[in-house]
Amino acid sequence: MTEDLDRDIDRLFDEQLLPLSRRLKGEGVSFLETRLDKDAPSYFVRRTSTEMKKGDFEKGGCSTPQAVEADFADVWGGGDVRLLANLAPAMAGLARSLRHVEEESVDVSEFIYVMY
């Protein structure tokens, strides 16, 4: 099972993420700045919002395993990240493959005792 998952992860990176990254880099798109601007007086950015609102806690993560693809497409569907929306089906498939529900048992792990 692990070999199949490793193969799926490698395929996602090799066939989708890396080609998209190369294409975007060639177009000058950057999602995460990796070089310092020597001429920048400061990297400090004053926040316009200093309080969290109810909505800040309601959005985020995937609502259900069945809705992973739609959730990814929704998050990646606009702005600079819209190109990532094409990754939603493959990422959702991988997420479903990686999902593992732990079976409950009455035994307490010996690691719990070590932690406390």
PDB file of N, CA and C in Angstrom:
ATOM      1  N   MET A   1       0.816  -1.188   0.000  1.00  0.00           N
ATOM      2  CA  MET A   1       0.000   0.000   0.000  1.00  0.00           C
ATOM      3  C   MET A   1       0.865   1.260   0.000  1.00  0.00           C
ATOM      4  N   THR A   2       1.915   1.277   0.819  1.00  0.00           N
ATOM      5  CA  THR A   2       2.776   2.446   0.906  1.00  0.00           C
ATOM      6  C   THR A   2       3.488   2.711  -0.416  1.00  0.00           C
ATOM      7  N   GLU A   3       3.906   1.664  -1.093  1.00  0.00           N
ATOM      8  CA  GLU A   3       4.578   1.853  -2.382  1.00  0.00           C
ATOM      9  C   GLU A   3       3.639   2.494  -3.393  1.00  0.00           C
ATOM     10  N   ASP A   4       2.368   2.090  -3.389  1.00  0.00           N
ATOM     11  CA  ASP A   4       1.396   2.691  -4.301  1.00  0.00           C
ATOM     12  C   ASP A   4       1.194   4.170  -3.992  1.00  0.00           C
ATOM     13  N   LEU A   5       1.095   4.508  -2.712  1.00  0.00           N
ATOM     14  CA  LEU A   5       0.932   5.908  -2.323  1.00  0.00           C
ATOM     15  C   LEU A   5       2.158   6.727  -2.682  1.00  0.00           C
ATOM     16  N   ASP A   6       3.335   6.180  -2.432  1.00  0.00           N
ATOM     17  CA  ASP A   6       4.569   6.875  -2.805  1.00  0.00           C
ATOM     18  C   ASP A   6       4.607   7.122  -4.310  1.00  0.00           C
ATOM     19  N   ARG A   7       4.195   6.138  -5.077  1.00  0.00           N
ATOM     20  CA  ARG A   7       4.165   6.268  -6.533  1.00  0.00           C
ATOM     21  C   ARG A   7       3.164   7.357  -6.956  1.00  0.00           C
ATOM     22  N   ASP A   8       2.000   7.405  -6.295  1.00  0.00           N
ATOM     23  CA  ASP A   8       0.990   8.425  -6.597  1.00  0.00           C
ATOM     24  C   ASP A   8       1.509   9.827  -6.273  1.00  0.00           C
ATOM     25  N   ILE A   9       2.197   9.963  -5.146  1.00  0.00           N
ATOM     26  CA  ILE A   9       2.766  11.255  -4.759  1.00  0.00           C
ATOM     27  C   ILE A   9       3.833  11.678  -5.763  1.00  0.00           C
ATOM     28  N   ASP A  10       4.718  10.765  -6.112  1.00  0.00           N
ATOM     29  CA  ASP A  10       5.758  11.070  -7.098  1.00  0.00           C
ATOM     30  C   ASP A  10       5.143  11.474  -8.433  1.00  0.00           C
ATOM     31  N   ARG A  11       4.096  10.766  -8.855  1.00  0.00           N
ATOM     32  CA  ARG A  11       3.438  11.067 -10.125  1.00  0.00           C
ATOM     33  C   ARG A  11       2.821  12.464 -10.092  1.00  0.00           C
ATOM     34  N   LEU A  12       2.172  12.819  -8.984  1.00  0.00           N
ATOM     35  CA  LEU A  12       1.572  14.144  -8.854  1.00  0.00           C
ATOM     36  C   LEU A  12       2.641  15.233  -8.977  1.00  0.00           C
ATOM     37  N   PHE A  13       3.753  15.045  -8.291  1.00  0.00           N
ATOM     38  CA  PHE A  13       4.832  16.033  -8.375  1.00  0.00           C
ATOM     39  C   PHE A  13       5.435  16.085  -9.769  1.00  0.00           C
ATOM     40  N   ASP A  14       5.772  14.916 -10.315  1.00  0.00           N
ATOM     41  CA  ASP A  14       6.469  14.869 -11.599  1.00  0.00           C
ATOM     42  C   ASP A  14       5.598  15.319 -12.769  1.00  0.00           C
ATOM     43  N   GLU A  15       4.319  14.928 -12.750  1.00  0.00           N
ATOM     44  CA  GLU A  15       3.461  15.188 -13.906  1.00  0.00           C
ATOM     45  C   GLU A  15       2.638  16.465 -13.807  1.00  0.00           C
ATOM     46  N   GLN A  16       2.433  16.991 -12.592  1.00  0.00           N
ATOM     47  CA  GLN A  16       1.579  18.164 -12.475  1.00  0.00           C
ATOM     48  C   GLN A  16       2.239  19.337 -11.759  1.00  0.00           C
ATOM     49  N   LEU A  17       2.740  19.126 -10.552  1.00  0.00           N
ATOM     50  CA  LEU A  17       3.281  20.247  -9.778  1.00  0.00           C
ATOM     51  C   LEU A  17       4.545  20.842 -10.400  1.00  0.00           C
ATOM     52  N   LEU A  18       5.512  20.003 -10.739  1.00  0.00           N
ATOM     53  CA  LEU A  18       6.763  20.520 -11.291  1.00  0.00           C
ATOM     54  C   LEU A  18       6.580  21.209 -12.645  1.00  0.00           C
ATOM     55  N   PRO A  19       5.810  20.624 -13.585  1.00  0.00           N
ATOM     56  CA  PRO A  19       5.589  21.348 -14.849  1.00  0.00           C
ATOM     57  C   PRO A  19       4.867  22.684 -14.648  1.00  0.00           C
ATOM     58  N   LEU A  20       3.893  22.713 -13.753  1.00  0.00           N
ATOM     59  CA  LEU A  20       3.199  23.972 -13.471  1.00  0.00           C
ATOM     60  C   LEU A  20       4.158  24.981 -12.857  1.00  0.00           C
ATOM     61  N   SER A  21       4.997  24.521 -11.946  1.00  0.00           N
ATOM     62  CA  SER A  21       5.973  25.396 -11.320  1.00  0.00           C
ATOM     63  C   SER A  21       6.933  25.980 -12.351  1.00  0.00           C
ATOM     64  N   ARG A  22       7.428  25.135 -13.250  1.00  0.00           N
ATOM     65  CA  ARG A  22       8.347  25.614 -14.290  1.00  0.00           C
ATOM     66  C   ARG A  22       7.666  26.655 -15.187  1.00  0.00           C
ATOM     67  N   ARG A  23       6.423  26.364 -15.562  1.00  0.00           N
ATOM     68  CA  ARG A  23       5.676  27.279 -16.422  1.00  0.00           C
ATOM     69  C   ARG A  23       5.470  28.628 -15.742  1.00  0.00           C
ATOM     70  N   LEU A  24       5.030  28.594 -14.486  1.00  0.00           N
ATOM     71  CA  LEU A  24       4.771  29.837 -13.763  1.00  0.00           C
ATOM     72  C   LEU A  24       6.053  30.617 -13.518  1.00  0.00           C
ATOM     73  N   LYS A  25       7.120  29.896 -13.197  1.00  0.00           N
ATOM     74  CA  LYS A  25       8.406  30.566 -12.980  1.00  0.00           C
ATOM     75  C   LYS A  25       8.865  31.247 -14.266  1.00  0.00           C
ATOM     76  N   GLY A  26       8.648  30.565 -15.399  1.00  0.00           N
ATOM     77  CA  GLY A  26       8.997  31.150 -16.699  1.00  0.00           C
ATOM     78  C   GLY A  26       8.179  32.390 -17.010  1.00  0.00           C
ATOM     79  N   GLU A  27       6.964  32.472 -16.483  1.00  0.00           N
ATOM     80  CA  GLU A  27       6.096  33.632 -16.696  1.00  0.00           C
ATOM     81  C   GLU A  27       6.326  34.714 -15.642  1.00  0.00           C
ATOM     82  N   GLY A  28       7.234  34.446 -14.711  1.00  0.00           N
ATOM     83  CA  GLY A  28       7.546  35.441 -13.691  1.00  0.00           C
ATOM     84  C   GLY A  28       6.599  35.442 -12.504  1.00  0.00           C
ATOM     85  N   VAL A  29       5.765  34.409 -12.380  1.00  0.00           N
ATOM     86  CA  VAL A  29       4.829  34.318 -11.259  1.00  0.00           C
ATOM     87  C   VAL A  29       5.560  33.747 -10.057  1.00  0.00           C
ATOM     88  N   SER A  30       5.345  34.350  -8.897  1.00  0.00           N
ATOM     89  CA  SER A  30       5.970  33.880  -7.665  1.00  0.00           C
ATOM     90  C   SER A  30       4.927  33.861  -6.556  1.00  0.00           C
ATOM     91  N   PHE A  31       4.729  32.714  -5.939  1.00  0.00           N
ATOM     92  CA  PHE A  31       3.781  32.597  -4.835  1.00  0.00           C
ATOM     93  C   PHE A  31       4.451  32.862  -3.492  1.00  0.00           C
ATOM     94  N   LEU A  32       5.734  32.621  -3.425  1.00  0.00           N
ATOM     95  CA  LEU A  32       6.479  32.799  -2.193  1.00  0.00           C
ATOM     96  C   LEU A  32       7.811  33.457  -2.542  1.00  0.00           C
ATOM     97  N   GLU A  33       8.022  34.627  -1.996  1.00  0.00           N
ATOM     98  CA  GLU A  33       9.259  35.353  -2.301  1.00  0.00           C
ATOM     99  C   GLU A  33      10.442  34.645  -1.653  1.00  0.00           C
ATOM    100  N   THR A  34      11.467  34.396  -2.437  1.00  0.00           N
ATOM    101  CA  THR A  34      12.621  33.654  -1.921  1.00  0.00           C
ATOM    102  C   THR A  34      13.898  34.486  -1.932  1.00  0.00           C
ATOM    103  N   ARG A  35      13.857  35.672  -2.542  1.00  0.00           N
ATOM    104  CA  ARG A  35      15.046  36.528  -2.591  1.00  0.00           C
ATOM    105  C   ARG A  35      14.775  37.828  -1.852  1.00  0.00           C
ATOM    106  N   LEU A  36      15.785  38.290  -1.143  1.00  0.00           N
ATOM    107  CA  LEU A  36      15.668  39.559  -0.430  1.00  0.00           C
ATOM    108  C   LEU A  36      15.874  40.721  -1.397  1.00  0.00           C
ATOM    109  N   ASP A  37      15.117  41.767  -1.189  1.00  0.00           N
ATOM    110  CA  ASP A  37      15.279  42.991  -1.953  1.00  0.00           C
ATOM    111  C   ASP A  37      16.237  43.891  -1.174  1.00  0.00           C
ATOM    112  N   LYS A  38      17.443  44.048  -1.664  1.00  0.00           N
ATOM    113  CA  LYS A  38      18.455  44.832  -0.944  1.00  0.00           C
ATOM    114  C   LYS A  38      18.073  46.297  -0.820  1.00  0.00           C
ATOM    115  N   ASP A  39      17.232  46.792  -1.721  1.00  0.00           N
ATOM    116  CA  ASP A  39      16.842  48.201  -1.706  1.00  0.00           C
ATOM    117  C   ASP A  39      15.591  48.462  -0.875  1.00  0.00           C
ATOM    118  N   ALA A  40      14.967  47.410  -0.359  1.00  0.00           N
ATOM    119  CA  ALA A  40      13.748  47.598   0.441  1.00  0.00           C
ATOM    120  C   ALA A  40      14.111  48.219   1.787  1.00  0.00           C
ATOM    121  N   PRO A  41      13.435  49.312   2.173  1.00  0.00           N
ATOM    122  CA  PRO A  41      13.746  49.920   3.465  1.00  0.00           C
ATOM    123  C   PRO A  41      13.321  49.036   4.636  1.00  0.00           C
ATOM    124  N   SER A  42      12.280  48.221   4.423  1.00  0.00           N
ATOM    125  CA  SER A  42      11.782  47.354   5.495  1.00  0.00           C
ATOM    126  C   SER A  42      10.864  46.297   4.902  1.00  0.00           C
ATOM    127  N   TYR A  43      10.742  45.194   5.605  1.00  0.00           N
ATOM    128  CA  TYR A  43       9.776  44.175   5.215  1.00  0.00           C
ATOM    129  C   TYR A  43       8.555  44.204   6.128  1.00  0.00           C
ATOM    130  N   PHE A  44       8.516  45.148   7.035  1.00  0.00           N
ATOM    131  CA  PHE A  44       7.397  45.267   7.950  1.00  0.00           C
ATOM    132  C   PHE A  44       6.154  45.729   7.185  1.00  0.00           C
ATOM    133  N   VAL A  45       5.046  45.052   7.426  1.00  0.00           N
ATOM    134  CA  VAL A  45       3.770  45.429   6.813  1.00  0.00           C
ATOM    135  C   VAL A  45       2.764  45.621   7.939  1.00  0.00           C
ATOM    136  N   ARG A  46       2.216  46.813   8.000  1.00  0.00           N
ATOM    137  CA  ARG A  46       1.217  47.090   9.029  1.00  0.00           C
ATOM    138  C   ARG A  46      -0.092  46.411   8.632  1.00  0.00           C
ATOM    139  N   ARG A  47      -0.637  45.633   9.556  1.00  0.00           N
ATOM    140  CA  ARG A  47      -1.888  44.920   9.301  1.00  0.00           C
ATOM    141  C   ARG A  47      -3.057  45.894   9.308  1.00  0.00           C
ATOM    142  N   THR A  48      -3.969  45.690   8.358  1.00  0.00           N
ATOM    143  CA  THR A  48      -5.163  46.534   8.329  1.00  0.00           C
ATOM    144  C   THR A  48      -6.227  45.973   9.254  1.00  0.00           C
ATOM    145  N   SER A  49      -6.208  44.675   9.455  1.00  0.00           N
ATOM    146  CA  SER A  49      -7.170  44.042  10.353  1.00  0.00           C
ATOM    147  C   SER A  49      -6.395  43.452  11.531  1.00  0.00           C
ATOM    148  N   THR A  50      -6.761  43.869  12.728  1.00  0.00           N
ATOM    149  CA  THR A  50      -6.037  43.392  13.904  1.00  0.00           C
ATOM    150  C   THR A  50      -6.880  42.490  14.785  1.00  0.00           C
ATOM    151  N   GLU A  51      -8.098  42.200  14.361  1.00  0.00           N
ATOM    152  CA  GLU A  51      -8.975  41.314  15.126  1.00  0.00           C
ATOM    153  C   GLU A  51      -9.532  40.224  14.218  1.00  0.00           C
ATOM    154  N   MET A  52      -9.678  39.056  14.770  1.00  0.00           N
ATOM    155  CA  MET A  52     -10.293  37.972  14.015  1.00  0.00           C
ATOM    156  C   MET A  52     -11.807  38.053  14.182  1.00  0.00           C
ATOM    157  N   LYS A  53     -12.497  37.680  13.124  1.00  0.00           N
ATOM    158  CA  LYS A  53     -13.952  37.690  13.141  1.00  0.00           C
ATOM    159  C   LYS A  53     -14.466  36.256  13.053  1.00  0.00           C
ATOM    160  N   LYS A  54     -15.736  36.079  13.247  1.00  0.00           N
ATOM    161  CA  LYS A  54     -16.347  34.751  13.217  1.00  0.00           C
ATOM    162  C   LYS A  54     -16.016  34.021  11.907  1.00  0.00           C
ATOM    163  N   GLY A  55     -16.082  34.730  10.805  1.00  0.00           N
ATOM    164  CA  GLY A  55     -15.807  34.128   9.499  1.00  0.00           C
ATOM    165  C   GLY A  55     -14.397  33.592   9.357  1.00  0.00           C
ATOM    166  N   ASP A  56     -13.458  34.165  10.103  1.00  0.00           N
ATOM    167  CA  ASP A  56     -12.072  33.691  10.059  1.00  0.00           C
ATOM    168  C   ASP A  56     -11.951  32.259  10.569  1.00  0.00           C
ATOM    169  N   PHE A  57     -12.867  31.860  11.415  1.00  0.00           N
ATOM    170  CA  PHE A  57     -12.836  30.509  11.987  1.00  0.00           C
ATOM    171  C   PHE A  57     -13.679  29.526  11.181  1.00  0.00           C
ATOM    172  N   GLU A  58     -14.513  30.023  10.304  1.00  0.00           N
ATOM    173  CA  GLU A  58     -15.445  29.169   9.584  1.00  0.00           C
ATOM    174  C   GLU A  58     -14.900  28.657   8.269  1.00  0.00           C
ATOM    175  N   LYS A  59     -13.906  29.302   7.717  1.00  0.00           N
ATOM    176  CA  LYS A  59     -13.361  28.891   6.436  1.00  0.00           C
ATOM    177  C   LYS A  59     -11.994  28.284   6.642  1.00  0.00           C
ATOM    178  N   GLY A  60     -11.760  27.188   6.015  1.00  0.00           N
ATOM    179  CA  GLY A  60     -10.436  26.584   6.099  1.00  0.00           C
ATOM    180  C   GLY A  60     -10.546  25.085   6.222  1.00  0.00           C
ATOM    181  N   GLY A  61      -9.623  24.402   5.619  1.00  0.00           N
ATOM    182  CA  GLY A  61      -9.655  22.952   5.647  1.00  0.00           C
ATOM    183  C   GLY A  61     -10.701  22.410   4.701  1.00  0.00           C
ATOM    184  N   CYS A  62     -10.844  21.138   4.718  1.00  0.00           N
ATOM    185  CA  CYS A  62     -11.820  20.485   3.851  1.00  0.00           C
ATOM    186  C   CYS A  62     -12.995  20.030   4.696  1.00  0.00           C
ATOM    187  N   SER A  63     -14.174  20.274   4.177  1.00  0.00           N
ATOM    188  CA  SER A  63     -15.369  19.996   4.959  1.00  0.00           C
ATOM    189  C   SER A  63     -15.615  18.496   5.147  1.00  0.00           C
ATOM    190  N   THR A  64     -15.450  17.713   4.091  1.00  0.00           N
ATOM    191  CA  THR A  64     -15.605  16.255   4.172  1.00  0.00           C
ATOM    192  C   THR A  64     -14.644  15.610   3.176  1.00  0.00           C
ATOM    193  N   PRO A  65     -14.337  14.337   3.337  1.00  0.00           N
ATOM    194  CA  PRO A  65     -13.467  13.669   2.352  1.00  0.00           C
ATOM    195  C   PRO A  65     -14.071  13.688   0.943  1.00  0.00           C
ATOM    196  N   GLN A  66     -15.382  13.666   0.858  1.00  0.00           N
ATOM    197  CA  GLN A  66     -16.035  13.666  -0.449  1.00  0.00           C
ATOM    198  C   GLN A  66     -15.983  15.044  -1.116  1.00  0.00           C
ATOM    199  N   ALA A  67     -15.798  16.089  -0.330  1.00  0.00           N
ATOM    200  CA  ALA A  67     -15.828  17.448  -0.863  1.00  0.00           C
ATOM    201  C   ALA A  67     -14.434  18.043  -1.067  1.00  0.00           C
ATOM    202  N   VAL A  68     -13.400  17.240  -0.946  1.00  0.00           N
ATOM    203  CA  VAL A  68     -12.024  17.751  -1.033  1.00  0.00           C
ATOM    204  C   VAL A  68     -11.789  18.469  -2.360  1.00  0.00           C
ATOM    205  N   GLU A  69     -12.181  17.865  -3.455  1.00  0.00           N
ATOM    206  CA  GLU A  69     -11.930  18.463  -4.763  1.00  0.00           C
ATOM    207  C   GLU A  69     -12.630  19.817  -4.894  1.00  0.00           C
ATOM    208  N   ALA A  70     -13.891  19.885  -4.518  1.00  0.00           N
ATOM    209  CA  ALA A  70     -14.635  21.144  -4.602  1.00  0.00           C
ATOM    210  C   ALA A  70     -14.041  22.194  -3.667  1.00  0.00           C
ATOM    211  N   ASP A  71     -13.599  21.779  -2.486  1.00  0.00           N
ATOM    212  CA  ASP A  71     -12.996  22.723  -1.540  1.00  0.00           C
ATOM    213  C   ASP A  71     -11.692  23.295  -2.095  1.00  0.00           C
ATOM    214  N   PHE A  72     -10.849  22.429  -2.692  1.00  0.00           N
ATOM    215  CA  PHE A  72      -9.615  22.911  -3.302  1.00  0.00           C
ATOM    216  C   PHE A  72      -9.930  23.880  -4.445  1.00  0.00           C
ATOM    217  N   ALA A  73     -10.849  23.497  -5.307  1.00  0.00           N
ATOM    218  CA  ALA A  73     -11.208  24.342  -6.447  1.00  0.00           C
ATOM    219  C   ALA A  73     -11.741  25.691  -5.975  1.00  0.00           C
ATOM    220  N   ASP A  74     -12.492  25.682  -4.881  1.00  0.00           N
ATOM    221  CA  ASP A  74     -13.037  26.925  -4.335  1.00  0.00           C
ATOM    222  C   ASP A  74     -11.918  27.832  -3.816  1.00  0.00           C
ATOM    223  N   VAL A  75     -10.989  27.264  -3.071  1.00  0.00           N
ATOM    224  CA  VAL A  75      -9.885  28.055  -2.512  1.00  0.00           C
ATOM    225  C   VAL A  75      -8.949  28.544  -3.611  1.00  0.00           C
ATOM    226  N   TRP A  76      -8.694  27.698  -4.602  1.00  0.00           N
ATOM    227  CA  TRP A  76      -7.738  28.023  -5.652  1.00  0.00           C
ATOM    228  C   TRP A  76      -8.380  28.633  -6.890  1.00  0.00           C
ATOM    229  N   GLY A  77      -9.642  28.971  -6.818  1.00  0.00           N
ATOM    230  CA  GLY A  77     -10.366  29.406  -8.015  1.00  0.00           C
ATOM    231  C   GLY A  77     -10.219  30.852  -8.402  1.00  0.00           C
ATOM    232  N   GLY A  78      -9.549  31.670  -7.624  1.00  0.00           N
ATOM    233  CA  GLY A  78      -9.482  33.080  -7.964  1.00  0.00           C
ATOM    234  C   GLY A  78      -8.119  33.678  -7.750  1.00  0.00           C
ATOM    235  N   GLY A  79      -7.940  34.853  -8.280  1.00  0.00           N
ATOM    236  CA  GLY A  79      -6.701  35.595  -8.078  1.00  0.00           C
ATOM    237  C   GLY A  79      -5.490  34.908  -8.668  1.00  0.00           C
ATOM    238  N   ASP A  80      -4.358  35.109  -8.016  1.00  0.00           N
ATOM    239  CA  ASP A  80      -3.097  34.552  -8.511  1.00  0.00           C
ATOM    240  C   ASP A  80      -3.048  33.037  -8.432  1.00  0.00           C
ATOM    241  N   VAL A  81      -3.870  32.445  -7.589  1.00  0.00           N
ATOM    242  CA  VAL A  81      -3.798  30.991  -7.402  1.00  0.00           C
ATOM    243  C   VAL A  81      -4.771  30.227  -8.300  1.00  0.00           C
ATOM    244  N   ARG A  82      -5.464  30.901  -9.204  1.00  0.00           N
ATOM    245  CA  ARG A  82      -6.468  30.220 -10.036  1.00  0.00           C
ATOM    246  C   ARG A  82      -5.878  29.072 -10.852  1.00  0.00           C
ATOM    247  N   LEU A  83      -4.592  29.178 -11.213  1.00  0.00           N
ATOM    248  CA  LEU A  83      -3.948  28.110 -11.972  1.00  0.00           C
ATOM    249  C   LEU A  83      -3.823  26.830 -11.151  1.00  0.00           C
ATOM    250  N   LEU A  84      -3.843  26.959  -9.834  1.00  0.00           N
ATOM    251  CA  LEU A  84      -3.755  25.782  -8.977  1.00  0.00           C
ATOM    252  C   LEU A  84      -5.058  24.976  -8.998  1.00  0.00           C
ATOM    253  N   ALA A  85      -6.159  25.595  -9.400  1.00  0.00           N
ATOM    254  CA  ALA A  85      -7.446  24.905  -9.427  1.00  0.00           C
ATOM    255  C   ALA A  85      -7.394  23.656 -10.306  1.00  0.00           C
ATOM    256  N   ASN A  86      -6.541  23.665 -11.326  1.00  0.00           N
ATOM    257  CA  ASN A  86      -6.395  22.481 -12.184  1.00  0.00           C
ATOM    258  C   ASN A  86      -5.814  21.287 -11.431  1.00  0.00           C
ATOM    259  N   LEU A  87      -5.171  21.552 -10.305  1.00  0.00           N
ATOM    260  CA  LEU A  87      -4.586  20.483  -9.496  1.00  0.00           C
ATOM    261  C   LEU A  87      -5.618  19.820  -8.582  1.00  0.00           C
ATOM    262  N   ALA A  88      -6.779  20.431  -8.445  1.00  0.00           N
ATOM    263  CA  ALA A  88      -7.776  19.955  -7.477  1.00  0.00           C
ATOM    264  C   ALA A  88      -8.131  18.475  -7.636  1.00  0.00           C
ATOM    265  N   PRO A  89      -8.431  17.976  -8.839  1.00  0.00           N
ATOM    266  CA  PRO A  89      -8.793  16.546  -8.941  1.00  0.00           C
ATOM    267  C   PRO A  89      -7.684  15.606  -8.466  1.00  0.00           C
ATOM    268  N   ALA A  90      -6.447  15.883  -8.874  1.00  0.00           N
ATOM    269  CA  ALA A  90      -5.340  15.004  -8.481  1.00  0.00           C
ATOM    270  C   ALA A  90      -5.059  15.112  -6.985  1.00  0.00           C
ATOM    271  N   MET A  91      -5.104  16.322  -6.448  1.00  0.00           N
ATOM    272  CA  MET A  91      -4.866  16.509  -5.010  1.00  0.00           C
ATOM    273  C   MET A  91      -5.962  15.834  -4.197  1.00  0.00           C
ATOM    274  N   ALA A  92      -7.200  15.931  -4.668  1.00  0.00           N
ATOM    275  CA  ALA A  92      -8.312  15.290  -3.964  1.00  0.00           C
ATOM    276  C   ALA A  92      -8.159  13.774  -3.984  1.00  0.00           C
ATOM    277  N   GLY A  93      -7.760  13.230  -5.122  1.00  0.00           N
ATOM    278  CA  GLY A  93      -7.543  11.789  -5.201  1.00  0.00           C
ATOM    279  C   GLY A  93      -6.458  11.335  -4.250  1.00  0.00           C
ATOM    280  N   LEU A  94      -5.387  12.096  -4.185  1.00  0.00           N
ATOM    281  CA  LEU A  94      -4.298  11.778  -3.273  1.00  0.00           C
ATOM    282  C   LEU A  94      -4.757  11.897  -1.826  1.00  0.00           C
ATOM    283  N   ALA A  95      -5.521  12.930  -1.521  1.00  0.00           N
ATOM    284  CA  ALA A  95      -6.022  13.112  -0.155  1.00  0.00           C
ATOM    285  C   ALA A  95      -6.903  11.933   0.259  1.00  0.00           C
ATOM    286  N   ARG A  96      -7.733  11.470  -0.658  1.00  0.00           N
ATOM    287  CA  ARG A  96      -8.586  10.311  -0.334  1.00  0.00           C
ATOM    288  C   ARG A  96      -7.750   9.056  -0.126  1.00  0.00           C
ATOM    289  N   SER A  97      -6.689   8.914  -0.899  1.00  0.00           N
ATOM    290  CA  SER A  97      -5.813   7.746  -0.747  1.00  0.00           C
ATOM    291  C   SER A  97      -5.059   7.778   0.574  1.00  0.00           C
ATOM    292  N   LEU A  98      -4.669   8.974   0.995  1.00  0.00           N
ATOM    293  CA  LEU A  98      -3.877   9.110   2.214  1.00  0.00           C
ATOM    294  C   LEU A  98      -4.713   9.103   3.484  1.00  0.00           C
ATOM    295  N   ARG A  99      -6.011   9.283   3.327  1.00  0.00           N
ATOM    296  CA  ARG A  99      -6.871   9.346   4.507  1.00  0.00           C
ATOM    297  C   ARG A  99      -6.869   7.998   5.216  1.00  0.00           C
ATOM    298  N   HIS A 100      -6.627   8.054   6.500  1.00  0.00           N
ATOM    299  CA  HIS A 100      -6.576   6.828   7.292  1.00  0.00           C
ATOM    300  C   HIS A 100      -7.313   7.085   8.597  1.00  0.00           C
ATOM    301  N   VAL A 101      -8.286   6.258   8.850  1.00  0.00           N
ATOM    302  CA  VAL A 101      -9.039   6.386  10.100  1.00  0.00           C
ATOM    303  C   VAL A 101      -8.476   5.369  11.079  1.00  0.00           C
ATOM    304  N   GLU A 102      -7.994   5.887  12.187  1.00  0.00           N
ATOM    305  CA  GLU A 102      -7.396   5.036  13.219  1.00  0.00           C
ATOM    306  C   GLU A 102      -8.471   4.207  13.906  1.00  0.00           C
ATOM    307  N   GLU A 103      -8.207   2.936  14.059  1.00  0.00           N
ATOM    308  CA  GLU A 103      -9.137   2.088  14.788  1.00  0.00           C
ATOM    309  C   GLU A 103      -8.942   2.286  16.286  1.00  0.00           C
ATOM    310  N   GLU A 104     -10.051   2.440  16.980  1.00  0.00           N
ATOM    311  CA  GLU A 104      -9.969   2.629  18.423  1.00  0.00           C
ATOM    312  C   GLU A 104      -9.804   1.281  19.121  1.00  0.00           C
ATOM    313  N   SER A 105      -9.052   1.300  20.201  1.00  0.00           N
ATOM    314  CA  SER A 105      -8.906   0.097  21.007  1.00  0.00           C
ATOM    315  C   SER A 105      -8.967   0.517  22.470  1.00  0.00           C
ATOM    316  N   VAL A 106      -9.150  -0.442  23.328  1.00  0.00           N
ATOM    317  CA  VAL A 106      -9.222  -0.136  24.757  1.00  0.00           C
ATOM    318  C   VAL A 106      -7.833  -0.043  25.368  1.00  0.00           C
ATOM    319  N   ASP A 107      -6.821  -0.485  24.644  1.00  0.00           N
ATOM    320  CA  ASP A 107      -5.455  -0.420  25.152  1.00  0.00           C
ATOM    321  C   ASP A 107      -4.922   1.005  25.046  1.00  0.00           C
ATOM    322  N   VAL A 108      -4.206   1.418  26.054  1.00  0.00           N
ATOM    323  CA  VAL A 108      -3.563   2.719  26.054  1.00  0.00           C
ATOM    324  C   VAL A 108      -2.110   2.515  25.651  1.00  0.00           C
ATOM    325  N   SER A 109      -1.679   3.287  24.688  1.00  0.00           N
ATOM    326  CA  SER A 109      -0.314   3.167  24.196  1.00  0.00           C
ATOM    327  C   SER A 109       0.682   3.463  25.310  1.00  0.00           C
ATOM    328  N   GLU A 110       1.790   2.734  25.309  1.00  0.00           N
ATOM    329  CA  GLU A 110       2.831   2.989  26.300  1.00  0.00           C
ATOM    330  C   GLU A 110       3.468   4.366  26.103  1.00  0.00           C
ATOM    331  N   PHE A 111       3.323   4.928  24.909  1.00  0.00           N
ATOM    332  CA  PHE A 111       3.870   6.258  24.650  1.00  0.00           C
ATOM    333  C   PHE A 111       3.127   7.329  25.426  1.00  0.00           C
ATOM    334  N   ILE A 112       1.867   7.091  25.741  1.00  0.00           N
ATOM    335  CA  ILE A 112       1.095   8.051  26.527  1.00  0.00           C
ATOM    336  C   ILE A 112       1.731   8.186  27.913  1.00  0.00           C
ATOM    337  N   TYR A 113       2.126   7.085  28.491  1.00  0.00           N
ATOM    338  CA  TYR A 113       2.738   7.117  29.815  1.00  0.00           C
ATOM    339  C   TYR A 113       4.075   7.861  29.777  1.00  0.00           C
ATOM    340  N   VAL A 114       4.802   7.703  28.706  1.00  0.00           N
ATOM    341  CA  VAL A 114       6.075   8.387  28.568  1.00  0.00           C
ATOM    342  C   VAL A 114       5.866   9.897  28.447  1.00  0.00           C
ATOM    343  N   MET A 115       4.809  10.322  27.774  1.00  0.00           N
ATOM    344  CA  MET A 115       4.527  11.742  27.586  1.00  0.00           C
ATOM    345  C   MET A 115       4.216  12.421  28.914  1.00  0.00           C
ATOM    346  N   TYR A 116       3.549  11.727  29.802  1.00  0.00           N
ATOM    347  CA  TYR A 116       3.132  12.327  31.065  1.00  0.00           C
ATOM    348  C   TYR A 116       3.991  11.840  32.200  1.00  0.00           C
TER     349      TYR A 116
END
